[in-house]
PDB file of N, CA and C in Angstrom:
ATOM      1  N   MET A   1     -52.448 -26.156-111.754  1.00  0.00           N
ATOM      2  CA  MET A   1     -52.420 -25.569-110.405  1.00  0.00           C
ATOM      3  C   MET A   1     -51.213 -24.652-110.274  1.00  0.00           C
ATOM      4  N   LYS A   2     -51.430 -23.520-109.707  1.00  0.00           N
ATOM      5  CA  LYS A   2     -50.354 -22.551-109.528  1.00  0.00           C
ATOM      6  C   LYS A   2     -49.460 -22.958-108.366  1.00  0.00           C
ATOM      7  N   ASP A   3     -48.177 -22.631-108.459  1.00  0.00           N
ATOM      8  CA  ASP A   3     -47.236 -22.903-107.379  1.00  0.00           C
ATOM      9  C   ASP A   3     -47.318 -21.747-106.387  1.00  0.00           C
ATOM     10  N   ILE A   4     -48.221 -21.870-105.417  1.00  0.00           N
ATOM     11  CA  ILE A   4     -48.491 -20.804-104.458  1.00  0.00           C
ATOM     12  C   ILE A   4     -47.229 -20.430-103.687  1.00  0.00           C
ATOM     13  N   LYS A   5     -46.442 -21.417-103.296  1.00  0.00           N
ATOM     14  CA  LYS A   5     -45.225 -21.145-102.527  1.00  0.00           C
ATOM     15  C   LYS A   5     -44.270 -20.264-103.333  1.00  0.00           C
ATOM     16  N   LYS A   6     -44.105 -20.584-104.615  1.00  0.00           N
ATOM     17  CA  LYS A   6     -43.205 -19.807-105.466  1.00  0.00           C
ATOM     18  C   LYS A   6     -43.717 -18.376-105.639  1.00  0.00           C
ATOM     19  N   ILE A   7     -45.005 -18.236-105.856  1.00  0.00           N
ATOM     20  CA  ILE A   7     -45.589 -16.909-106.023  1.00  0.00           C
ATOM     21  C   ILE A   7     -45.453 -16.114-104.719  1.00  0.00           C
ATOM     22  N   LYS A   8     -45.681 -16.786-103.596  1.00  0.00           N
ATOM     23  CA  LYS A   8     -45.583 -16.131-102.291  1.00  0.00           C
ATOM     24  C   LYS A   8     -44.174 -15.593-102.046  1.00  0.00           C
ATOM     25  N   GLU A   9     -43.163 -16.317-102.500  1.00  0.00           N
ATOM     26  CA  GLU A   9     -41.772 -15.907-102.326  1.00  0.00           C
ATOM     27  C   GLU A   9     -41.467 -14.584-103.031  1.00  0.00           C
ATOM     28  N   GLU A  10     -42.216 -14.278-104.091  1.00  0.00           N
ATOM     29  CA  GLU A  10     -41.999 -13.028-104.820  1.00  0.00           C
ATOM     30  C   GLU A  10     -42.238 -11.803-103.941  1.00  0.00           C
ATOM     31  N   LEU A  11     -43.093 -11.946-102.947  1.00  0.00           N
ATOM     32  CA  LEU A  11     -43.422 -10.807-102.092  1.00  0.00           C
ATOM     33  C   LEU A  11     -42.376 -10.555-101.016  1.00  0.00           C
ATOM     34  N   GLU A  12     -41.512 -11.500-100.778  1.00  0.00           N
ATOM     35  CA  GLU A  12     -40.511 -11.355 -99.733  1.00  0.00           C
ATOM     36  C   GLU A  12     -39.357 -10.479-100.220  1.00  0.00           C
ATOM     37  N   ASN A  13     -38.803  -9.731 -99.309  1.00  0.00           N
ATOM     38  CA  ASN A  13     -37.639  -8.883 -99.570  1.00  0.00           C
ATOM     39  C   ASN A  13     -37.856  -7.883-100.709  1.00  0.00           C
ATOM     40  N   LYS A  14     -39.006  -7.326-100.790  1.00  0.00           N
ATOM     41  CA  LYS A  14     -39.305  -6.326-101.813  1.00  0.00           C
ATOM     42  C   LYS A  14     -39.365  -4.945-101.178  1.00  0.00           C
ATOM     43  N   LYS A  15     -38.230  -4.301-101.041  1.00  0.00           N
ATOM     44  CA  LYS A  15     -38.174  -2.961-100.449  1.00  0.00           C
ATOM     45  C   LYS A  15     -39.016  -1.989-101.264  1.00  0.00           C
ATOM     46  N   GLU A  16     -39.117  -2.245-102.549  1.00  0.00           N
ATOM     47  CA  GLU A  16     -39.873  -1.354-103.423  1.00  0.00           C
ATOM     48  C   GLU A  16     -41.358  -1.333-103.068  1.00  0.00           C
ATOM     49  N   LEU A  17     -41.877  -2.408-102.475  1.00  0.00           N
ATOM     50  CA  LEU A  17     -43.288  -2.427-102.103  1.00  0.00           C
ATOM     51  C   LEU A  17     -43.606  -1.296-101.129  1.00  0.00           C
ATOM     52  N   ILE A  18     -42.753  -1.115-100.149  1.00  0.00           N
ATOM     53  CA  ILE A  18     -42.970  -0.059 -99.166  1.00  0.00           C
ATOM     54  C   ILE A  18     -42.813   1.316 -99.813  1.00  0.00           C
ATOM     55  N   LYS A  19     -41.818   1.452-100.677  1.00  0.00           N
ATOM     56  CA  LYS A  19     -41.604   2.725-101.375  1.00  0.00           C
ATOM     57  C   LYS A  19     -42.829   3.076-102.219  1.00  0.00           C
ATOM     58  N   CYS A  20     -43.342   2.107-102.952  1.00  0.00           N
ATOM     59  CA  CYS A  20     -44.530   2.343-103.780  1.00  0.00           C
ATOM     60  C   CYS A  20     -45.735   2.678-102.919  1.00  0.00           C
ATOM     61  N   ALA A  21     -45.850   2.034-101.771  1.00  0.00           N
ATOM     62  CA  ALA A  21     -46.983   2.286-100.883  1.00  0.00           C
ATOM     63  C   ALA A  21     -47.041   3.747-100.478  1.00  0.00           C
ATOM     64  N   LYS A  22     -45.886   4.365-100.323  1.00  0.00           N
ATOM     65  CA  LYS A  22     -45.837   5.774 -99.944  1.00  0.00           C
ATOM     66  C   LYS A  22     -46.160   6.686-101.116  1.00  0.00           C
ATOM     67  N   GLU A  23     -45.961   6.222-102.323  1.00  0.00           N
ATOM     68  CA  GLU A  23     -46.163   7.051-103.514  1.00  0.00           C
ATOM     69  C   GLU A  23     -47.617   7.124-103.970  1.00  0.00           C
ATOM     70  N   PHE A  24     -48.396   6.134-103.656  1.00  0.00           N
ATOM     71  CA  PHE A  24     -49.782   6.097-104.114  1.00  0.00           C
ATOM     72  C   PHE A  24     -50.728   6.088-102.913  1.00  0.00           C
ATOM     73  N   ASP A  25     -51.614   7.072-102.831  1.00  0.00           N
ATOM     74  CA  ASP A  25     -52.551   7.133-101.712  1.00  0.00           C
ATOM     75  C   ASP A  25     -53.400   5.872-101.622  1.00  0.00           C
ATOM     76  N   LEU A  26     -54.021   5.501-102.699  1.00  0.00           N
ATOM     77  CA  LEU A  26     -54.852   4.303-102.674  1.00  0.00           C
ATOM     78  C   LEU A  26     -54.008   3.083-102.354  1.00  0.00           C
ATOM     79  N   MET A  27     -52.798   3.105-102.811  1.00  0.00           N
ATOM     80  CA  MET A  27     -51.906   1.980-102.594  1.00  0.00           C
ATOM     81  C   MET A  27     -51.129   2.114-101.294  1.00  0.00           C
ATOM     82  N   GLY A  28     -51.507   3.073-100.453  1.00  0.00           N
ATOM     83  CA  GLY A  28     -50.800   3.312 -99.204  1.00  0.00           C
ATOM     84  C   GLY A  28     -50.843   2.133 -98.252  1.00  0.00           C
ATOM     85  N   ASP A  29     -51.781   1.261 -98.445  1.00  0.00           N
ATOM     86  CA  ASP A  29     -51.894   0.081 -97.610  1.00  0.00           C
ATOM     87  C   ASP A  29     -51.046  -1.035 -98.210  1.00  0.00           C
ATOM     88  N   PRO A  30     -50.107  -1.589 -97.453  1.00  0.00           N
ATOM     89  CA  PRO A  30     -49.232  -2.642 -98.005  1.00  0.00           C
ATOM     90  C   PRO A  30     -49.982  -3.849 -98.553  1.00  0.00           C
ATOM     91  N   THR A  31     -51.115  -4.209 -97.941  1.00  0.00           N
ATOM     92  CA  THR A  31     -51.880  -5.356 -98.442  1.00  0.00           C
ATOM     93  C   THR A  31     -52.458  -5.049 -99.818  1.00  0.00           C
ATOM     94  N   ARG A  32     -53.004  -3.848-100.002  1.00  0.00           N
ATOM     95  CA  ARG A  32     -53.523  -3.469-101.327  1.00  0.00           C
ATOM     96  C   ARG A  32     -52.413  -3.443-102.360  1.00  0.00           C
ATOM     97  N   LEU A  33     -51.276  -2.960-101.954  1.00  0.00           N
ATOM     98  CA  LEU A  33     -50.135  -2.898-102.859  1.00  0.00           C
ATOM     99  C   LEU A  33     -49.679  -4.299-103.252  1.00  0.00           C
ATOM    100  N   LYS A  34     -49.633  -5.196-102.294  1.00  0.00           N
ATOM    101  CA  LYS A  34     -49.236  -6.582-102.584  1.00  0.00           C
ATOM    102  C   LYS A  34     -50.212  -7.230-103.557  1.00  0.00           C
ATOM    103  N   ILE A  35     -51.496  -6.985-103.352  1.00  0.00           N
ATOM    104  CA  ILE A  35     -52.506  -7.564-104.240  1.00  0.00           C
ATOM    105  C   ILE A  35     -52.338  -7.019-105.657  1.00  0.00           C
ATOM    106  N   CYS A  36     -52.139  -5.717-105.792  1.00  0.00           N
ATOM    107  CA  CYS A  36     -51.921  -5.137-107.119  1.00  0.00           C
ATOM    108  C   CYS A  36     -50.645  -5.674-107.757  1.00  0.00           C
ATOM    109  N   TYR A  37     -49.613  -5.811-106.952  1.00  0.00           N
ATOM    110  CA  TYR A  37     -48.356  -6.371-107.451  1.00  0.00           C
ATOM    111  C   TYR A  37     -48.585  -7.778-108.004  1.00  0.00           C
ATOM    112  N   LEU A  38     -49.279  -8.607-107.233  1.00  0.00           N
ATOM    113  CA  LEU A  38     -49.547  -9.979-107.673  1.00  0.00           C
ATOM    114  C   LEU A  38     -50.353 -10.001-108.965  1.00  0.00           C
ATOM    115  N   LEU A  39     -51.381  -9.169-109.030  1.00  0.00           N
ATOM    116  CA  LEU A  39     -52.227  -9.150-110.225  1.00  0.00           C
ATOM    117  C   LEU A  39     -51.507  -8.547-111.422  1.00  0.00           C
ATOM    118  N   CYS A  40     -50.532  -7.740-111.158  1.00  0.00           N
ATOM    119  CA  CYS A  40     -49.726  -7.174-112.228  1.00  0.00           C
ATOM    120  C   CYS A  40     -48.793  -8.251-112.805  1.00  0.00           C
ATOM    121  N   ARG A  41     -48.298  -9.093-111.950  1.00  0.00           N
ATOM    122  CA  ARG A  41     -47.336 -10.118-112.359  1.00  0.00           C
ATOM    123  C   ARG A  41     -47.982 -11.427-112.823  1.00  0.00           C
ATOM    124  N   HIS A  42     -49.231 -11.644-112.443  1.00  0.00           N
ATOM    125  CA  HIS A  42     -49.933 -12.880-112.790  1.00  0.00           C
ATOM    126  C   HIS A  42     -51.275 -12.504-113.391  1.00  0.00           C
ATOM    127  N   LYS A  43     -51.598 -13.072-114.528  1.00  0.00           N
ATOM    128  CA  LYS A  43     -52.758 -12.650-115.307  1.00  0.00           C
ATOM    129  C   LYS A  43     -54.018 -12.524-114.464  1.00  0.00           C
ATOM    130  N   GLU A  44     -54.313 -13.515-113.662  1.00  0.00           N
ATOM    131  CA  GLU A  44     -55.453 -13.438-112.765  1.00  0.00           C
ATOM    132  C   GLU A  44     -55.295 -14.451-111.649  1.00  0.00           C
ATOM    133  N   LEU A  45     -55.891 -14.134-110.520  1.00  0.00           N
ATOM    134  CA  LEU A  45     -55.843 -14.998-109.343  1.00  0.00           C
ATOM    135  C   LEU A  45     -57.210 -14.981-108.673  1.00  0.00           C
ATOM    136  N   THR A  46     -57.535 -16.059-107.970  1.00  0.00           N
ATOM    137  CA  THR A  46     -58.782 -16.103-107.220  1.00  0.00           C
ATOM    138  C   THR A  46     -58.588 -15.416-105.874  1.00  0.00           C
ATOM    139  N   VAL A  47     -59.691 -15.101-105.240  1.00  0.00           N
ATOM    140  CA  VAL A  47     -59.644 -14.491-103.914  1.00  0.00           C
ATOM    141  C   VAL A  47     -58.901 -15.413-102.952  1.00  0.00           C
ATOM    142  N   GLY A  48     -59.204 -16.702-103.014  1.00  0.00           N
ATOM    143  CA  GLY A  48     -58.553 -17.669-102.139  1.00  0.00           C
ATOM    144  C   GLY A  48     -57.053 -17.756-102.364  1.00  0.00           C
ATOM    145  N   GLU A  49     -56.634 -17.722-103.616  1.00  0.00           N
ATOM    146  CA  GLU A  49     -55.193 -17.754-103.923  1.00  0.00           C
ATOM    147  C   GLU A  49     -54.505 -16.511-103.368  1.00  0.00           C
ATOM    148  N   ILE A  50     -55.129 -15.355-103.572  1.00  0.00           N
ATOM    149  CA  ILE A  50     -54.543 -14.112-103.079  1.00  0.00           C
ATOM    150  C   ILE A  50     -54.424 -14.153-101.558  1.00  0.00           C
ATOM    151  N   ALA A  51     -55.474 -14.597-100.894  1.00  0.00           N
ATOM    152  CA  ALA A  51     -55.463 -14.675 -99.428  1.00  0.00           C
ATOM    153  C   ALA A  51     -54.336 -15.590 -98.943  1.00  0.00           C
ATOM    154  N   GLN A  52     -54.191 -16.721 -99.593  1.00  0.00           N
ATOM    155  CA  GLN A  52     -53.153 -17.674 -99.210  1.00  0.00           C
ATOM    156  C   GLN A  52     -51.755 -17.096 -99.428  1.00  0.00           C
ATOM    157  N   ILE A  53     -51.557 -16.433-100.540  1.00  0.00           N
ATOM    158  CA  ILE A  53     -50.239 -15.877-100.873  1.00  0.00           C
ATOM    159  C   ILE A  53     -49.883 -14.718 -99.937  1.00  0.00           C
ATOM    160  N   VAL A  54     -50.820 -13.801 -99.736  1.00  0.00           N
ATOM    161  CA  VAL A  54     -50.557 -12.606 -98.937  1.00  0.00           C
ATOM    162  C   VAL A  54     -50.574 -12.918 -97.440  1.00  0.00           C
ATOM    163  N   GLY A  55     -51.301 -13.958 -97.061  1.00  0.00           N
ATOM    164  CA  GLY A  55     -51.342 -14.353 -95.661  1.00  0.00           C
ATOM    165  C   GLY A  55     -52.378 -13.597 -94.837  1.00  0.00           C
ATOM    166  N   VAL A  56     -53.479 -13.233 -95.475  1.00  0.00           N
ATOM    167  CA  VAL A  56     -54.584 -12.597 -94.762  1.00  0.00           C
ATOM    168  C   VAL A  56     -55.861 -13.362 -95.059  1.00  0.00           C
ATOM    169  N   SER A  57     -56.927 -13.040 -94.333  1.00  0.00           N
ATOM    170  CA  SER A  57     -58.183 -13.774 -94.498  1.00  0.00           C
ATOM    171  C   SER A  57     -58.837 -13.490 -95.856  1.00  0.00           C
ATOM    172  N   ILE A  58     -59.653 -14.422 -96.280  1.00  0.00           N
ATOM    173  CA  ILE A  58     -60.414 -14.248 -97.518  1.00  0.00           C
ATOM    174  C   ILE A  58     -61.313 -13.021 -97.399  1.00  0.00           C
ATOM    175  N   SER A  59     -61.880 -12.817 -96.223  1.00  0.00           N
ATOM    176  CA  SER A  59     -62.732 -11.658 -95.987  1.00  0.00           C
ATOM    177  C   SER A  59     -61.959 -10.353 -96.185  1.00  0.00           C
ATOM    178  N   ALA A  60     -60.746 -10.285 -95.657  1.00  0.00           N
ATOM    179  CA  ALA A  60     -59.925  -9.076 -95.806  1.00  0.00           C
ATOM    180  C   ALA A  60     -59.558  -8.842 -97.265  1.00  0.00           C
ATOM    181  N   VAL A  61     -59.239  -9.913 -97.982  1.00  0.00           N
ATOM    182  CA  VAL A  61     -58.901  -9.792 -99.400  1.00  0.00           C
ATOM    183  C   VAL A  61     -60.128  -9.329-100.190  1.00  0.00           C
ATOM    184  N   SER A  62     -61.276  -9.911 -99.902  1.00  0.00           N
ATOM    185  CA  SER A  62     -62.503  -9.515-100.601  1.00  0.00           C
ATOM    186  C   SER A  62     -62.812  -8.037-100.379  1.00  0.00           C
ATOM    187  N   HIS A  63     -62.648  -7.587 -99.154  1.00  0.00           N
ATOM    188  CA  HIS A  63     -62.885  -6.176 -98.824  1.00  0.00           C
ATOM    189  C   HIS A  63     -61.914  -5.276 -99.592  1.00  0.00           C
ATOM    190  N   THR A  64     -60.658  -5.665 -99.618  1.00  0.00           N
ATOM    191  CA  THR A  64     -59.639  -4.885-100.330  1.00  0.00           C
ATOM    192  C   THR A  64     -59.917  -4.865-101.824  1.00  0.00           C
ATOM    193  N   LEU A  65     -60.267  -6.015-102.390  1.00  0.00           N
ATOM    194  CA  LEU A  65     -60.570  -6.093-103.812  1.00  0.00           C
ATOM    195  C   LEU A  65     -61.796  -5.249-104.165  1.00  0.00           C
ATOM    196  N   LYS A  66     -62.745  -5.181-103.255  1.00  0.00           N
ATOM    197  CA  LYS A  66     -63.922  -4.339-103.498  1.00  0.00           C
ATOM    198  C   LYS A  66     -63.499  -2.879-103.649  1.00  0.00           C
ATOM    199  N   LYS A  67     -62.621  -2.413-102.759  1.00  0.00           N
ATOM    200  CA  LYS A  67     -62.124  -1.039-102.844  1.00  0.00           C
ATOM    201  C   LYS A  67     -61.352  -0.809-104.139  1.00  0.00           C
ATOM    202  N   LEU A  68     -60.514  -1.761-104.492  1.00  0.00           N
ATOM    203  CA  LEU A  68     -59.724  -1.638-105.719  1.00  0.00           C
ATOM    204  C   LEU A  68     -60.621  -1.645-106.950  1.00  0.00           C
ATOM    205  N   LYS A  69     -61.663  -2.454-106.913  1.00  0.00           N
ATOM    206  CA  LYS A  69     -62.602  -2.507-108.038  1.00  0.00           C
ATOM    207  C   LYS A  69     -63.362  -1.189-108.168  1.00  0.00           C
ATOM    208  N   GLU A  70     -63.805  -0.644-107.047  1.00  0.00           N
ATOM    209  CA  GLU A  70     -64.518   0.642-107.060  1.00  0.00           C
ATOM    210  C   GLU A  70     -63.638   1.760-107.612  1.00  0.00           C
ATOM    211  N   ALA A  71     -62.336   1.659-107.366  1.00  0.00           N
ATOM    212  CA  ALA A  71     -61.392   2.668-107.858  1.00  0.00           C
ATOM    213  C   ALA A  71     -60.970   2.415-109.295  1.00  0.00           C
ATOM    214  N   GLY A  72     -61.401   1.298-109.871  1.00  0.00           N
ATOM    215  CA  GLY A  72     -61.066   0.993-111.258  1.00  0.00           C
ATOM    216  C   GLY A  72     -59.717   0.326-111.452  1.00  0.00           C
ATOM    217  N   PHE A  73     -59.131  -0.178-110.376  1.00  0.00           N
ATOM    218  CA  PHE A  73     -57.820  -0.822-110.482  1.00  0.00           C
ATOM    219  C   PHE A  73     -57.916  -2.290-110.877  1.00  0.00           C
ATOM    220  N   VAL A  74     -59.001  -2.959-110.501  1.00  0.00           N
ATOM    221  CA  VAL A  74     -59.154  -4.374-110.824  1.00  0.00           C
ATOM    222  C   VAL A  74     -60.547  -4.637-111.379  1.00  0.00           C
ATOM    223  N   GLU A  75     -60.672  -5.771-112.038  1.00  0.00           N
ATOM    224  CA  GLU A  75     -61.968  -6.257-112.506  1.00  0.00           C
ATOM    225  C   GLU A  75     -62.018  -7.747-112.211  1.00  0.00           C
ATOM    226  N   ASN A  76     -63.226  -8.295-112.271  1.00  0.00           N
ATOM    227  CA  ASN A  76     -63.341  -9.706-111.947  1.00  0.00           C
ATOM    228  C   ASN A  76     -64.244 -10.440-112.919  1.00  0.00           C
ATOM    229  N   ARG A  77     -64.140 -11.742-112.842  1.00  0.00           N
ATOM    230  CA  ARG A  77     -65.050 -12.613-113.602  1.00  0.00           C
ATOM    231  C   ARG A  77     -65.330 -13.821-112.725  1.00  0.00           C
ATOM    232  N   ARG A  78     -66.500 -14.356-112.880  1.00  0.00           N
ATOM    233  CA  ARG A  78     -66.902 -15.523-112.099  1.00  0.00           C
ATOM    234  C   ARG A  78     -66.906 -16.750-112.996  1.00  0.00           C
ATOM    235  N   LYS A  79     -66.356 -17.833-112.488  1.00  0.00           N
ATOM    236  CA  LYS A  79     -66.420 -19.120-113.168  1.00  0.00           C
ATOM    237  C   LYS A  79     -66.877 -20.128-112.123  1.00  0.00           C
ATOM    238  N   TYR A  80     -68.129 -20.490-112.237  1.00  0.00           N
ATOM    239  CA  TYR A  80     -68.771 -21.348-111.248  1.00  0.00           C
ATOM    240  C   TYR A  80     -68.714 -20.663-109.880  1.00  0.00           C
ATOM    241  N   ARG A  81     -68.047 -21.260-108.899  1.00  0.00           N
ATOM    242  CA  ARG A  81     -68.002 -20.675-107.556  1.00  0.00           C
ATOM    243  C   ARG A  81     -66.761 -19.812-107.333  1.00  0.00           C
ATOM    244  N   GLN A  82     -65.852 -19.803-108.278  1.00  0.00           N
ATOM    245  CA  GLN A  82     -64.610 -19.042-108.135  1.00  0.00           C
ATOM    246  C   GLN A  82     -64.760 -17.653-108.763  1.00  0.00           C
ATOM    247  N   VAL A  83     -64.189 -16.668-108.084  1.00  0.00           N
ATOM    248  CA  VAL A  83     -64.140 -15.317-108.635  1.00  0.00           C
ATOM    249  C   VAL A  83     -62.677 -15.001-108.910  1.00  0.00           C
ATOM    250  N   TYR A  84     -62.379 -14.690-110.162  1.00  0.00           N
ATOM    251  CA  TYR A  84     -61.015 -14.386-110.595  1.00  0.00           C
ATOM    252  C   TYR A  84     -60.862 -12.875-110.749  1.00  0.00           C
ATOM    253  N   TYR A  85     -59.766 -12.350-110.250  1.00  0.00           N
ATOM    254  CA  TYR A  85     -59.472 -10.929-110.365  1.00  0.00           C
ATOM    255  C   TYR A  85     -58.255 -10.709-111.241  1.00  0.00           C
ATOM    256  N   ARG A  86     -58.292  -9.605-111.957  1.00  0.00           N
ATOM    257  CA  ARG A  86     -57.152  -9.194-112.788  1.00  0.00           C
ATOM    258  C   ARG A  86     -57.064  -7.673-112.729  1.00  0.00           C
ATOM    259  N   ILE A  87     -55.892  -7.182-113.015  1.00  0.00           N
ATOM    260  CA  ILE A  87     -55.657  -5.736-113.030  1.00  0.00           C
ATOM    261  C   ILE A  87     -56.287  -5.183-114.307  1.00  0.00           C
ATOM    262  N   THR A  88     -56.774  -3.957-114.261  1.00  0.00           N
ATOM    263  CA  THR A  88     -57.428  -3.371-115.431  1.00  0.00           C
ATOM    264  C   THR A  88     -56.412  -2.669-116.331  1.00  0.00           C
ATOM    265  N   ASP A  89     -56.900  -2.220-117.455  1.00  0.00           N
ATOM    266  CA  ASP A  89     -56.067  -1.464-118.391  1.00  0.00           C
ATOM    267  C   ASP A  89     -56.432   0.014-118.382  1.00  0.00           C
ATOM    268  N   SER A  90     -56.990   0.488-117.286  1.00  0.00           N
ATOM    269  CA  SER A  90     -57.395   1.890-117.212  1.00  0.00           C
ATOM    270  C   SER A  90     -56.176   2.804-117.151  1.00  0.00           C
ATOM    271  N   PRO A  91     -56.340   4.073-117.515  1.00  0.00           N
ATOM    272  CA  PRO A  91     -55.212   5.006-117.475  1.00  0.00           C
ATOM    273  C   PRO A  91     -54.565   5.111-116.092  1.00  0.00           C
ATOM    274  N   ALA A  92     -55.384   5.072-115.047  1.00  0.00           N
ATOM    275  CA  ALA A  92     -54.830   5.169-113.687  1.00  0.00           C
ATOM    276  C   ALA A  92     -53.918   3.993-113.373  1.00  0.00           C
ATOM    277  N   VAL A  93     -54.222   2.863-113.926  1.00  0.00           N
ATOM    278  CA  VAL A  93     -53.437   1.659-113.644  1.00  0.00           C
ATOM    279  C   VAL A  93     -52.130   1.644-114.446  1.00  0.00           C
ATOM    280  N   CYS A  94     -52.082   2.370-115.541  1.00  0.00           N
ATOM    281  CA  CYS A  94     -50.857   2.399-116.350  1.00  0.00           C
ATOM    282  C   CYS A  94     -49.647   2.819-115.519  1.00  0.00           C
ATOM    283  N   ILE A  95     -49.822   3.834-114.686  1.00  0.00           N
ATOM    284  CA  ILE A  95     -48.726   4.299-113.830  1.00  0.00           C
ATOM    285  C   ILE A  95     -48.361   3.214-112.824  1.00  0.00           C
ATOM    286  N   LEU A  96     -49.366   2.664-112.202  1.00  0.00           N
ATOM    287  CA  LEU A  96     -49.145   1.613-111.212  1.00  0.00           C
ATOM    288  C   LEU A  96     -48.484   0.406-111.858  1.00  0.00           C
ATOM    289  N   ARG A  97     -48.996  -0.001-113.012  1.00  0.00           N
ATOM    290  CA  ARG A  97     -48.463  -1.176-113.712  1.00  0.00           C
ATOM    291  C   ARG A  97     -46.980  -0.958-114.056  1.00  0.00           C
ATOM    292  N   LYS A  98     -46.648   0.202-114.553  1.00  0.00           N
ATOM    293  CA  LYS A  98     -45.275   0.490-114.928  1.00  0.00           C
ATOM    294  C   LYS A  98     -44.351   0.390-113.708  1.00  0.00           C
ATOM    295  N   ARG A  99     -44.829   0.884-112.580  1.00  0.00           N
ATOM    296  CA  ARG A  99     -44.027   0.893-111.358  1.00  0.00           C
ATOM    297  C   ARG A  99     -43.916  -0.516-110.746  1.00  0.00           C
ATOM    298  N   LEU A 100     -45.041  -1.208-110.628  1.00  0.00           N
ATOM    299  CA  LEU A 100     -45.052  -2.507-109.948  1.00  0.00           C
ATOM    300  C   LEU A 100     -44.538  -3.651-110.800  1.00  0.00           C
ATOM    301  N   CYS A 101     -44.886  -3.658-112.043  1.00  0.00           N
ATOM    302  CA  CYS A 101     -44.560  -4.809-112.890  1.00  0.00           C
ATOM    303  C   CYS A 101     -43.076  -4.879-113.234  1.00  0.00           C
ATOM    304  N   ASN A 102     -42.367  -3.816-113.025  1.00  0.00           N
ATOM    305  CA  ASN A 102     -40.950  -3.806-113.369  1.00  0.00           C
ATOM    306  C   ASN A 102     -40.046  -3.897-112.148  1.00  0.00           C
ATOM    307  N   LEU A 103     -40.579  -4.321-111.001  1.00  0.00           N
ATOM    308  CA  LEU A 103     -39.751  -4.452-109.794  1.00  0.00           C
ATOM    309  C   LEU A 103     -38.737  -5.553-109.969  1.00  0.00           C
TER     310      LEU A 103
END
C-alpha cells in the first residue's frame, strides 16, 4: 500500500508547479500539472489514489486523465476493477518529464 499522506506532502510548497503551469498550455491547469507531476515521480497510480492525493473528485481526475491521454501524455492499464495510469515516453512528454521530475 502506498503512503498517500507522504505522497500528498510532495505537492505542498512547490512554487515550481505554478511556474510550469504557465509554461505549458496543456499543463496550464494546476490540477493537470499536479497529476503529471505525480505520475512523473511515481511509476503508476490509480484514479482513486490520484483523486485522494490531489484532493479532487474521482470524476474530475478521470476527466483530466482523459484529456491527458488524448494528448499522449499518459497511458493506462486495467487490472480487474482498478485503472492504473502512468506517464508516457512520447517526445512531447520528454520536455515535461525533464521539467517536472527534477523539481
